[in-house]
Amino acid sequence: MIWIKNHNEIKKNLKIIFTLFTVVLSIFCAINYSKECSKGVINGISFCVSVLIPSLFLFMIIASYISNSVISKIIGTPFERLATKLLNLPNGSSGVLILSLIGGYPIGARCIESLYLNNKLNEEQAKKLSLVAVSSGPGFVMNYVGEALLNSKKAGIILFVSQIIGFFTTALIIGRCVKIKDDNVVIKQEDSNGSFVDAVEKGCKSTVSMCAMVIVFSAIIEVINKVVISQPLSCDVLSGILEVTTGCNRLSLKYPLHIISAVIGFGGICVHAQVFSALKSVKINKGLFFLSRIIQGITSGFSTYILLILFPISINVFSSVEKTIPTTKTPLVGSIALILTAVCFLNSTSKINLKRR
């Protein structure tokens, strides 16, 4: 008992020290590297407006709506036996897996949180599924990395197929190796008809939260670039570890495809933070979650390496990368219009609710 008490106190003190250190370091960087922070914020906003919002905003809304409706059961039913028998995952998880692959990184976490809060998954089931339901979507992998950065649809397809292989390999390993204490049937089996208004509101909040994390990490990366500017390899590695969008943008100019695939499979600390934020009600084992992402990154990279042997891509695909500059004008206008529409929509619904009261 004494050891447990001392251990908890030490853990609490270390957390306080780490928090104070982080705050002091952040203030120092914001003051001493103000130009770099500003540049990082601008780059982060540009990435969000040109890539993330157009490709993920609607998926956020659709995933939120589907996860609380009968559609989730319809989508997942054909693959339920695969999820429960082969992957040894909880009942009802097949729909979450499919939405994770279609929607991208934060979608799976949002679905799990929604199912848990609606008593369709218990806590142990939600914890296990949260280790698996993390994947990049086709919008990011094929459209942004494949076509915009690498100027190759074939490269985008190979990358996405590799992500699918890495995703299900990780699911198989976690499903078979991680045992849960309470694997009873879900508490609530009936289907609820989720409100579309609620789905839009949750989609807006999720998108804003996601973009905020990307902008913060973009600023951090710019500061790191300034500090270790004489070591470009370190900058590239840290960029890939911290934020996947910026990491892919840097790595695509210099490194082979299987390295980029491994970075996408890992997801980056920024994506991990988004998942933790989305799953506030579920206490994830962060060490096991991080290990799962490493496994997914390695298997995705290895899959790409094998696929490139079977379906080689000529080297001129990568030589054209430096000439490829992704346009942001059209997504910028569309994204701004989309955001304004969502804001007006939410504002109008809040006024309606006030009148009803």
Protein backbone atom coordinates (compact mmCIF):
# COMPACT_ATOMS: atom_id res chain seq x y z
CA MET A 1 0.00 0.00 0.00
CA ILE A 2 2.85 2.38 0.88
CA TRP A 3 4.62 1.58 -2.40
CA ILE A 4 1.45 2.23 -4.39
CA LYS A 5 0.91 5.53 -2.61
CA ASN A 6 4.51 6.65 -3.23
CA HIS A 7 4.33 5.49 -6.84
CA ASN A 8 1.17 7.52 -7.45
CA GLU A 9 2.72 10.61 -5.84
CA ILE A 10 5.88 10.29 -7.94
CA LYS A 11 3.79 9.85 -11.09
CA LYS A 12 1.71 12.91 -10.19
CA ASN A 13 4.82 15.03 -9.49
CA LEU A 14 6.45 13.97 -12.75
CA LYS A 15 3.30 14.95 -14.63
CA ILE A 16 3.35 18.39 -12.99
CA ILE A 17 7.04 18.87 -13.81
CA PHE A 18 6.50 17.81 -17.41
CA THR A 19 3.53 20.18 -17.76
CA LEU A 20 5.53 23.12 -16.36
CA PHE A 21 8.47 22.31 -18.63
CA THR A 22 6.19 22.14 -21.65
CA VAL A 23 4.56 25.48 -20.83
CA VAL A 24 7.91 27.25 -20.27
CA LEU A 25 9.37 25.76 -23.46
CA SER A 26 6.28 26.78 -25.47
CA ILE A 27 6.46 30.37 -24.21
CA PHE A 28 10.20 30.53 -24.99
CA CYS A 29 9.70 29.21 -28.54
CA ALA A 30 6.73 31.51 -29.18
CA ILE A 31 8.84 34.54 -28.20
CA ASN A 32 12.27 33.56 -29.51
CA TYR A 33 11.06 31.91 -32.74
CA SER A 34 8.04 34.07 -33.49
CA LYS A 35 8.74 34.19 -37.26
CA GLU A 36 9.04 30.42 -37.49
CA CYS A 37 5.87 29.93 -35.45
CA SER A 38 4.00 32.33 -37.74
CA LYS A 39 5.26 30.51 -40.82
CA GLY A 40 4.24 27.17 -39.33
CA VAL A 41 0.76 28.45 -38.51
CA ILE A 42 0.33 29.74 -42.08
CA ASN A 43 1.52 26.41 -43.50
CA GLY A 44 -0.78 24.52 -41.16
CA ILE A 45 -3.79 26.59 -42.15
CA SER A 46 -2.90 26.08 -45.82
CA PHE A 47 -2.74 22.30 -45.36
CA CYS A 48 -6.04 22.26 -43.50
CA VAL A 49 -7.84 24.37 -46.09
CA SER A 50 -6.37 22.69 -49.16
CA VAL A 51 -6.27 19.05 -48.02
CA LEU A 52 -7.87 18.10 -44.73
CA ILE A 53 -11.16 20.02 -44.75
CA PRO A 54 -12.14 19.16 -48.36
CA SER A 55 -11.26 15.48 -47.96
CA LEU A 56 -12.46 14.81 -44.40
CA PHE A 57 -15.19 17.29 -43.42
CA LEU A 58 -18.06 15.48 -45.13
CA PHE A 59 -16.67 12.12 -44.00
CA MET A 60 -16.77 13.39 -40.41
CA ILE A 61 -20.47 14.18 -40.71
CA ILE A 62 -21.34 10.98 -42.59
CA ALA A 63 -19.39 8.78 -40.15
CA SER A 64 -21.02 10.41 -37.14
CA TYR A 65 -24.47 9.90 -38.63
CA ILE A 66 -23.83 6.33 -39.77
CA SER A 67 -22.35 5.22 -36.44
CA ASN A 68 -25.62 6.13 -34.67
CA SER A 69 -27.98 4.67 -37.25
CA VAL A 70 -29.01 1.31 -38.63
CA ILE A 71 -26.70 1.91 -41.61
CA SER A 72 -23.69 1.00 -39.45
CA LYS A 73 -25.12 -2.47 -38.91
CA ILE A 74 -25.96 -2.88 -42.60
CA ILE A 75 -22.42 -1.92 -43.69
CA GLY A 76 -20.73 -4.13 -41.13
CA THR A 77 -22.93 -7.26 -41.33
CA PRO A 78 -21.18 -8.88 -44.35
CA PHE A 79 -17.80 -8.52 -42.60
CA GLU A 80 -18.91 -9.27 -39.04
CA ARG A 81 -17.70 -12.87 -39.09
CA LEU A 82 -14.29 -11.73 -40.39
CA ALA A 83 -13.99 -9.19 -37.55
CA THR A 84 -15.16 -11.45 -34.71
CA LYS A 85 -13.83 -14.86 -35.74
CA LEU A 86 -10.61 -14.13 -37.64
CA LEU A 87 -9.54 -10.83 -36.07
CA ASN A 88 -11.07 -11.67 -32.68
CA LEU A 89 -12.52 -8.17 -32.27
CA PRO A 90 -15.73 -7.19 -30.41
CA ASN A 91 -19.19 -7.63 -31.90
CA GLY A 92 -20.27 -4.70 -34.06
CA SER A 93 -16.72 -3.60 -34.84
CA SER A 94 -16.76 -4.38 -38.57
CA GLY A 95 -18.65 -1.18 -39.42
CA VAL A 96 -16.08 0.87 -37.49
CA LEU A 97 -13.21 -0.80 -39.36
CA ILE A 98 -14.76 -0.06 -42.75
CA LEU A 99 -15.50 3.56 -41.85
CA SER A 100 -11.91 3.93 -40.59
CA LEU A 101 -10.54 2.82 -43.95
CA ILE A 102 -12.93 5.01 -45.92
CA GLY A 103 -12.95 8.13 -43.76
CA GLY A 104 -9.35 8.38 -42.56
CA TYR A 105 -7.48 8.76 -39.28
CA PRO A 106 -9.93 10.36 -36.81
CA ILE A 107 -13.11 8.73 -38.11
CA GLY A 108 -12.64 5.41 -36.32
CA ALA A 109 -12.05 7.09 -32.98
CA ARG A 110 -15.17 9.23 -33.40
CA CYS A 111 -17.23 6.15 -34.22
CA ILE A 112 -15.91 4.25 -31.20
CA GLU A 113 -16.64 7.17 -28.88
CA SER A 114 -20.16 7.45 -30.26
CA LEU A 115 -20.83 3.71 -29.91
CA TYR A 116 -19.44 3.69 -26.37
CA LEU A 117 -21.52 6.67 -25.24
CA ASN A 118 -24.61 5.04 -26.76
CA ASN A 119 -23.88 1.79 -24.85
CA LYS A 120 -23.22 -0.25 -27.97
CA LEU A 121 -19.69 -1.08 -26.78
CA ASN A 122 -18.52 -1.57 -23.22
CA GLU A 123 -15.28 0.04 -22.03
CA GLU A 124 -13.05 -3.00 -22.53
CA GLN A 125 -14.34 -3.51 -26.06
CA ALA A 126 -13.86 0.18 -26.88
CA LYS A 127 -10.27 0.08 -25.57
CA LYS A 128 -9.35 -2.89 -27.74
CA LEU A 129 -11.04 -1.54 -30.86
CA SER A 130 -9.34 1.85 -30.40
CA LEU A 131 -5.95 0.17 -30.86
CA VAL A 132 -7.00 -0.99 -34.32
CA ALA A 133 -9.39 1.54 -35.89
CA VAL A 134 -6.75 4.04 -37.04
CA SER A 135 -6.05 4.34 -40.76
CA SER A 136 -5.49 6.90 -43.48
CA GLY A 137 -8.29 7.27 -46.02
CA PRO A 138 -8.21 7.19 -49.83
CA GLY A 139 -8.75 10.96 -50.01
CA PHE A 140 -5.45 11.65 -48.27
CA VAL A 141 -3.38 8.74 -49.61
CA MET A 142 -4.49 8.66 -53.25
CA ASN A 143 -5.48 12.27 -53.92
CA TYR A 144 -2.95 14.21 -51.88
CA VAL A 145 0.11 11.96 -51.58
CA GLY A 146 -0.33 9.99 -54.81
CA GLU A 147 -1.52 12.58 -57.29
CA ALA A 148 -0.58 15.95 -55.77
CA LEU A 149 2.83 15.10 -54.30
CA LEU A 150 4.04 12.17 -56.42
CA ASN A 151 2.10 12.98 -59.59
CA SER A 152 1.19 9.30 -59.94
CA LYS A 153 -2.17 7.57 -59.56
CA LYS A 154 -0.41 4.22 -59.55
CA ALA A 155 1.75 5.29 -56.60
CA GLY A 156 -1.37 6.41 -54.74
CA ILE A 157 -3.09 3.07 -55.36
CA ILE A 158 -0.04 1.10 -54.19
CA LEU A 159 0.16 3.26 -51.07
CA PHE A 160 -3.51 2.79 -50.25
CA VAL A 161 -3.42 -0.99 -50.81
CA SER A 162 -0.38 -1.08 -48.50
CA GLN A 163 -2.31 0.85 -45.85
CA ILE A 164 -5.15 -1.68 -46.05
CA ILE A 165 -2.69 -4.55 -45.64
CA GLY A 166 -0.98 -2.82 -42.71
CA PHE A 167 -4.34 -2.01 -41.14
CA PHE A 168 -5.66 -5.59 -41.19
CA THR A 169 -2.30 -7.07 -40.21
CA THR A 170 -2.27 -4.84 -37.12
CA ALA A 171 -5.91 -5.74 -36.43
CA LEU A 172 -5.03 -9.45 -36.61
CA ILE A 173 -2.05 -9.08 -34.25
CA ILE A 174 -3.94 -6.93 -31.73
CA GLY A 175 -7.08 -9.04 -31.98
CA ARG A 176 -5.21 -12.27 -31.26
CA CYS A 177 -2.68 -11.01 -28.73
CA VAL A 178 -4.63 -8.49 -26.66
CA LYS A 179 -7.14 -10.14 -24.35
CA ILE A 180 -9.88 -8.16 -22.63
CA LYS A 181 -11.43 -8.85 -19.24
CA ASP A 182 -15.03 -8.09 -20.16
CA ASP A 183 -16.01 -9.35 -23.61
CA ASN A 184 -19.71 -9.70 -22.94
CA VAL A 185 -22.31 -8.81 -25.53
CA VAL A 186 -22.97 -5.14 -25.99
CA ILE A 187 -25.33 -3.61 -23.45
CA LYS A 188 -27.72 -2.07 -25.94
CA GLN A 189 -28.58 -3.81 -29.19
CA GLU A 190 -31.38 -1.66 -30.60
CA ASP A 191 -30.52 0.79 -33.35
CA SER A 192 -30.97 4.51 -32.85
CA ASN A 193 -31.72 7.00 -35.60
CA GLY A 194 -29.05 9.63 -35.24
CA SER A 195 -30.03 13.23 -35.88
CA PHE A 196 -28.47 14.76 -38.98
CA VAL A 197 -28.24 18.10 -37.17
CA ASP A 198 -26.25 16.44 -34.38
CA ALA A 199 -24.02 14.78 -36.96
CA VAL A 200 -23.25 18.12 -38.64
CA GLU A 201 -22.51 19.74 -35.30
CA LYS A 202 -20.17 16.92 -34.27
CA GLY A 203 -18.54 16.98 -37.71
CA CYS A 204 -17.81 20.71 -37.36
CA LYS A 205 -16.33 20.29 -33.88
CA SER A 206 -14.22 17.33 -35.00
CA THR A 207 -12.90 19.22 -38.02
CA VAL A 208 -12.00 22.29 -35.99
CA SER A 209 -10.24 20.16 -33.38
CA MET A 210 -8.33 18.25 -36.06
CA CYS A 211 -7.21 21.42 -37.86
CA ALA A 212 -6.11 23.04 -34.59
CA MET A 213 -3.81 20.09 -33.85
CA VAL A 214 -2.33 20.20 -37.36
CA ILE A 215 -1.64 23.96 -37.09
CA VAL A 216 0.06 23.58 -33.69
CA PHE A 217 2.29 20.75 -34.90
CA SER A 218 3.14 22.67 -38.09
CA ALA A 219 4.44 25.50 -35.92
CA ILE A 220 6.46 23.03 -33.84
CA ILE A 221 8.00 21.54 -36.98
CA GLU A 222 9.06 24.98 -38.25
CA VAL A 223 10.82 25.68 -34.94
CA ILE A 224 12.56 22.30 -35.12
CA ASN A 225 13.68 23.10 -38.67
CA LYS A 226 15.22 26.34 -37.42
CA VAL A 227 17.02 24.68 -34.50
CA VAL A 228 18.43 21.70 -36.46
CA ILE A 229 18.67 23.33 -39.88
CA SER A 230 22.16 21.88 -40.44
CA GLN A 231 20.73 18.35 -40.11
CA PRO A 232 18.02 17.97 -42.79
CA LEU A 233 17.72 14.22 -42.19
CA SER A 234 16.74 14.86 -38.55
CA CYS A 235 14.19 17.46 -39.67
CA ASP A 236 12.64 15.04 -42.16
CA VAL A 237 12.47 12.20 -39.64
CA LEU A 238 10.96 14.40 -36.92
CA SER A 239 8.44 15.85 -39.38
CA GLY A 240 7.25 12.37 -40.29
CA ILE A 241 7.02 11.33 -36.64
CA LEU A 242 5.19 14.48 -35.53
CA GLU A 243 2.73 15.32 -38.34
CA VAL A 244 1.91 13.04 -41.24
CA THR A 245 0.80 15.71 -43.75
CA THR A 246 3.93 17.83 -43.37
CA GLY A 247 6.04 14.68 -43.13
CA CYS A 248 4.75 13.29 -46.45
CA ASN A 249 5.28 16.69 -48.08
CA ARG A 250 8.95 16.70 -47.02
CA LEU A 251 9.68 13.01 -47.56
CA SER A 252 8.12 12.84 -51.02
CA LEU A 253 10.89 15.02 -52.38
CA LYS A 254 13.75 12.80 -51.22
CA TYR A 255 12.83 9.31 -50.04
CA PRO A 256 11.50 6.07 -51.59
CA LEU A 257 7.83 5.18 -51.55
CA HIS A 258 8.01 2.51 -48.85
CA ILE A 259 9.39 5.07 -46.37
CA ILE A 260 6.46 7.39 -47.10
CA SER A 261 4.11 4.44 -46.69
CA ALA A 262 5.58 3.65 -43.27
CA VAL A 263 5.07 7.26 -42.16
CA ILE A 264 1.44 7.18 -43.33
CA GLY A 265 0.87 3.89 -41.52
CA PHE A 266 2.37 5.27 -38.30
CA GLY A 267 0.14 8.35 -38.56
CA GLY A 268 2.25 10.79 -36.56
CA ILE A 269 1.96 12.13 -33.00
CA CYS A 270 -0.52 14.75 -34.22
CA VAL A 271 -2.95 12.05 -35.35
CA HIS A 272 -2.41 10.13 -32.11
CA ALA A 273 -3.31 13.24 -30.12
CA GLN A 274 -6.48 13.63 -32.22
CA VAL A 275 -7.45 10.03 -31.46
CA PHE A 276 -6.89 10.54 -27.72
CA SER A 277 -8.94 13.72 -27.87
CA ALA A 278 -11.78 11.97 -29.72
CA LEU A 279 -11.79 9.11 -27.20
CA LYS A 280 -12.01 11.19 -24.04
CA SER A 281 -14.43 8.74 -22.41
CA VAL A 282 -12.19 5.72 -23.05
CA LYS A 283 -8.92 5.31 -21.17
CA ILE A 284 -6.60 4.00 -23.88
CA ASN A 285 -3.35 2.23 -23.03
CA LYS A 286 -1.10 4.79 -24.74
CA GLY A 287 1.97 2.57 -24.74
CA LEU A 288 0.09 -0.24 -26.46
CA PHE A 289 -1.51 2.23 -28.85
CA PHE A 290 1.92 3.61 -29.83
CA LEU A 291 3.25 0.06 -30.33
CA SER A 292 0.26 -0.71 -32.56
CA ARG A 293 1.04 2.30 -34.74
CA ILE A 294 4.68 1.20 -35.06
CA ILE A 295 3.52 -2.25 -36.17
CA GLN A 296 1.12 -0.68 -38.66
CA GLY A 297 3.84 1.61 -40.02
CA ILE A 298 6.34 -1.24 -40.48
CA THR A 299 3.83 -3.58 -42.14
CA SER A 300 2.56 -0.82 -44.43
CA GLY A 301 6.10 0.09 -45.50
CA PHE A 302 7.05 -3.55 -46.07
CA SER A 303 3.86 -4.11 -48.09
CA THR A 304 4.73 -1.17 -50.32
CA TYR A 305 8.25 -2.52 -50.81
CA ILE A 306 6.84 -5.90 -51.96
CA LEU A 307 4.18 -4.31 -54.17
CA LEU A 308 6.80 -2.16 -55.90
CA ILE A 309 8.73 -5.32 -56.77
CA LEU A 310 5.57 -6.84 -58.26
CA PHE A 311 4.33 -3.59 -59.86
CA PRO A 312 7.39 -1.37 -60.39
CA ILE A 313 7.05 2.38 -60.92
CA SER A 314 9.57 4.15 -63.12
CA ILE A 315 11.96 6.51 -61.33
CA ASN A 316 10.71 9.55 -63.27
CA VAL A 317 7.58 9.50 -61.07
CA PHE A 318 9.71 10.80 -58.23
CA SER A 319 11.82 13.10 -60.34
CA SER A 320 8.69 15.03 -61.27
CA VAL A 321 7.74 15.63 -57.66
CA GLU A 322 9.78 18.80 -57.33
CA LYS A 323 7.90 20.29 -60.28
CA THR A 324 4.53 19.40 -58.78
CA ILE A 325 2.96 22.15 -56.74
CA PRO A 326 -0.47 21.28 -55.34
CA THR A 327 -2.99 23.99 -56.10
CA THR A 328 -4.93 25.49 -53.20
CA LYS A 329 -7.17 28.04 -54.93
CA THR A 330 -10.15 25.85 -55.70
CA PRO A 331 -10.16 23.96 -52.38
CA LEU A 332 -9.72 27.29 -50.60
CA VAL A 333 -12.92 28.74 -52.05
CA GLY A 334 -14.82 25.51 -51.57
CA SER A 335 -13.63 25.03 -48.01
CA ILE A 336 -14.47 28.59 -46.98
CA ALA A 337 -17.93 28.21 -48.49
CA LEU A 338 -18.35 24.88 -46.73
CA ILE A 339 -17.34 26.33 -43.37
CA LEU A 340 -19.61 29.36 -43.76
CA THR A 341 -22.51 27.11 -44.73
CA ALA A 342 -21.93 24.93 -41.69
CA VAL A 343 -21.71 27.96 -39.36
CA CYS A 344 -24.92 29.44 -40.75
CA PHE A 345 -26.62 26.07 -40.51
CA LEU A 346 -25.62 25.58 -36.89
CA ASN A 347 -26.60 29.16 -36.06
CA SER A 348 -30.04 28.71 -37.60
CA THR A 349 -30.65 25.45 -35.76
CA SER A 350 -29.66 27.03 -32.43
CA LYS A 351 -32.16 29.85 -33.04
CA ILE A 352 -34.87 27.30 -33.82
CA ASN A 353 -34.12 25.52 -30.55
CA LEU A 354 -34.32 28.81 -28.63
CA LYS A 355 -37.71 29.60 -30.17
CA ARG A 356 -39.00 26.19 -29.20
CA ARG A 357 -37.94 26.78 -25.64
